Amino acid sequence: MSAKAEMLDTLRTMLRDVFRLRNDGVAYARLARAHGYVDGYMRALLEANVCDKRELLALVAEERSHVDGPATLEVTSAAIAAA
């Protein structure tokens, strides 16, 4: 497994933990700390040019859908402009 794949697997695990904690209704301080770790890890990946913003957003969306299920509505840029 490549170094990039290992780093992205680590991020996937961290994201699953954050989403699980949120769904479990843990104390805000614990959830905020977990979010901070994920944010810092993602920033490090970006600054080290391991991956780009689009890759990270796609990974977060994928993990969120695994935990929370599919989104109920897909928002397009035309709908945003109309609002």
Protein backbone atom coordinates (compact mmCIF):
# COMPACT_ATOMS: atom_id res chain seq x y z
CA MET A 1 0.00 0.00 0.00
CA SER A 2 1.35 3.42 -0.93
CA ALA A 3 1.95 6.15 1.60
CA LYS A 4 -0.86 8.26 0.14
CA ALA A 5 -3.32 5.35 0.40
CA GLU A 6 -2.32 4.78 4.03
CA MET A 7 -2.82 8.45 4.86
CA LEU A 8 -6.25 8.49 3.20
CA ASP A 9 -7.21 5.30 5.07
CA THR A 10 -6.24 7.00 8.31
CA LEU A 11 -8.41 9.97 7.37
CA ARG A 12 -11.33 7.64 6.56
CA THR A 13 -11.04 6.07 9.99
CA MET A 14 -10.91 9.46 11.68
CA LEU A 15 -13.98 10.65 9.75
CA ARG A 16 -15.94 7.51 10.64
CA ASP A 17 -15.12 8.11 14.29
CA VAL A 18 -16.31 11.74 14.12
CA PHE A 19 -19.58 10.81 12.40
CA ARG A 20 -20.14 7.96 14.87
CA LEU A 21 -19.48 10.26 17.84
CA ARG A 22 -21.93 12.82 16.46
CA ASN A 23 -24.62 10.16 15.98
CA ASP A 24 -23.97 8.79 19.48
CA GLY A 25 -24.56 12.24 20.97
CA VAL A 26 -21.30 12.53 22.88
CA ALA A 27 -20.32 15.63 24.83
CA TYR A 28 -19.57 18.67 22.69
CA ALA A 29 -15.98 18.96 23.94
CA ARG A 30 -15.17 15.42 22.83
CA LEU A 31 -16.77 15.93 19.42
CA ALA A 32 -15.02 19.28 18.93
CA ARG A 33 -11.66 17.72 19.76
CA ALA A 34 -12.25 14.93 17.23
CA HIS A 35 -13.23 17.51 14.59
CA GLY A 36 -10.05 19.41 15.36
CA TYR A 37 -7.92 16.33 14.78
CA VAL A 38 -9.62 15.68 11.43
CA ASP A 39 -9.29 19.32 10.37
CA GLY A 40 -5.61 19.37 11.27
CA TYR A 41 -4.93 16.11 9.47
CA MET A 42 -6.72 17.33 6.36
CA ARG A 43 -4.78 20.60 6.44
CA ALA A 44 -1.51 18.69 6.73
CA LEU A 45 -2.47 16.55 3.71
CA LEU A 46 -3.22 19.68 1.70
CA GLU A 47 -0.06 21.51 2.73
CA ALA A 48 2.10 18.46 1.99
CA ASN A 49 0.47 18.23 -1.47
CA VAL A 50 -0.56 14.64 -0.76
CA CYS A 51 -3.98 15.33 -2.25
CA ASP A 52 -6.06 18.26 -3.36
CA LYS A 53 -9.23 19.83 -2.01
CA ARG A 54 -11.50 17.96 -4.42
CA GLU A 55 -10.15 14.59 -3.34
CA LEU A 56 -10.71 15.45 0.31
CA LEU A 57 -14.24 16.70 -0.30
CA ALA A 58 -15.10 13.54 -2.23
CA LEU A 59 -13.68 11.37 0.55
CA VAL A 60 -15.64 13.24 3.24
CA ALA A 61 -18.86 12.99 1.20
CA GLU A 62 -18.32 9.27 0.68
CA GLU A 63 -17.71 8.59 4.36
CA ARG A 64 -20.65 10.76 5.40
CA SER A 65 -22.96 8.83 3.08
CA HIS A 66 -21.71 5.53 4.55
CA VAL A 67 -22.64 6.68 8.05
CA ASP A 68 -25.69 8.90 7.47
CA GLY A 69 -27.05 7.36 4.28
CA PRO A 70 -27.52 9.11 0.96
CA ALA A 71 -28.36 12.77 0.73
CA THR A 72 -32.02 13.52 0.24
CA LEU A 73 -31.50 16.35 -2.25
CA GLU A 74 -28.76 17.20 -4.68
CA VAL A 75 -28.28 20.95 -4.87
CA THR A 76 -27.09 22.44 -8.14
CA SER A 77 -25.39 25.77 -8.68
CA ALA A 78 -28.45 27.00 -10.62
CA ALA A 79 -30.67 26.34 -7.57
CA ILE A 80 -28.23 28.23 -5.36
CA ALA A 81 -28.18 31.21 -7.72
CA ALA A 82 -32.00 31.30 -7.79
CA ALA A 83 -32.21 31.37 -3.99
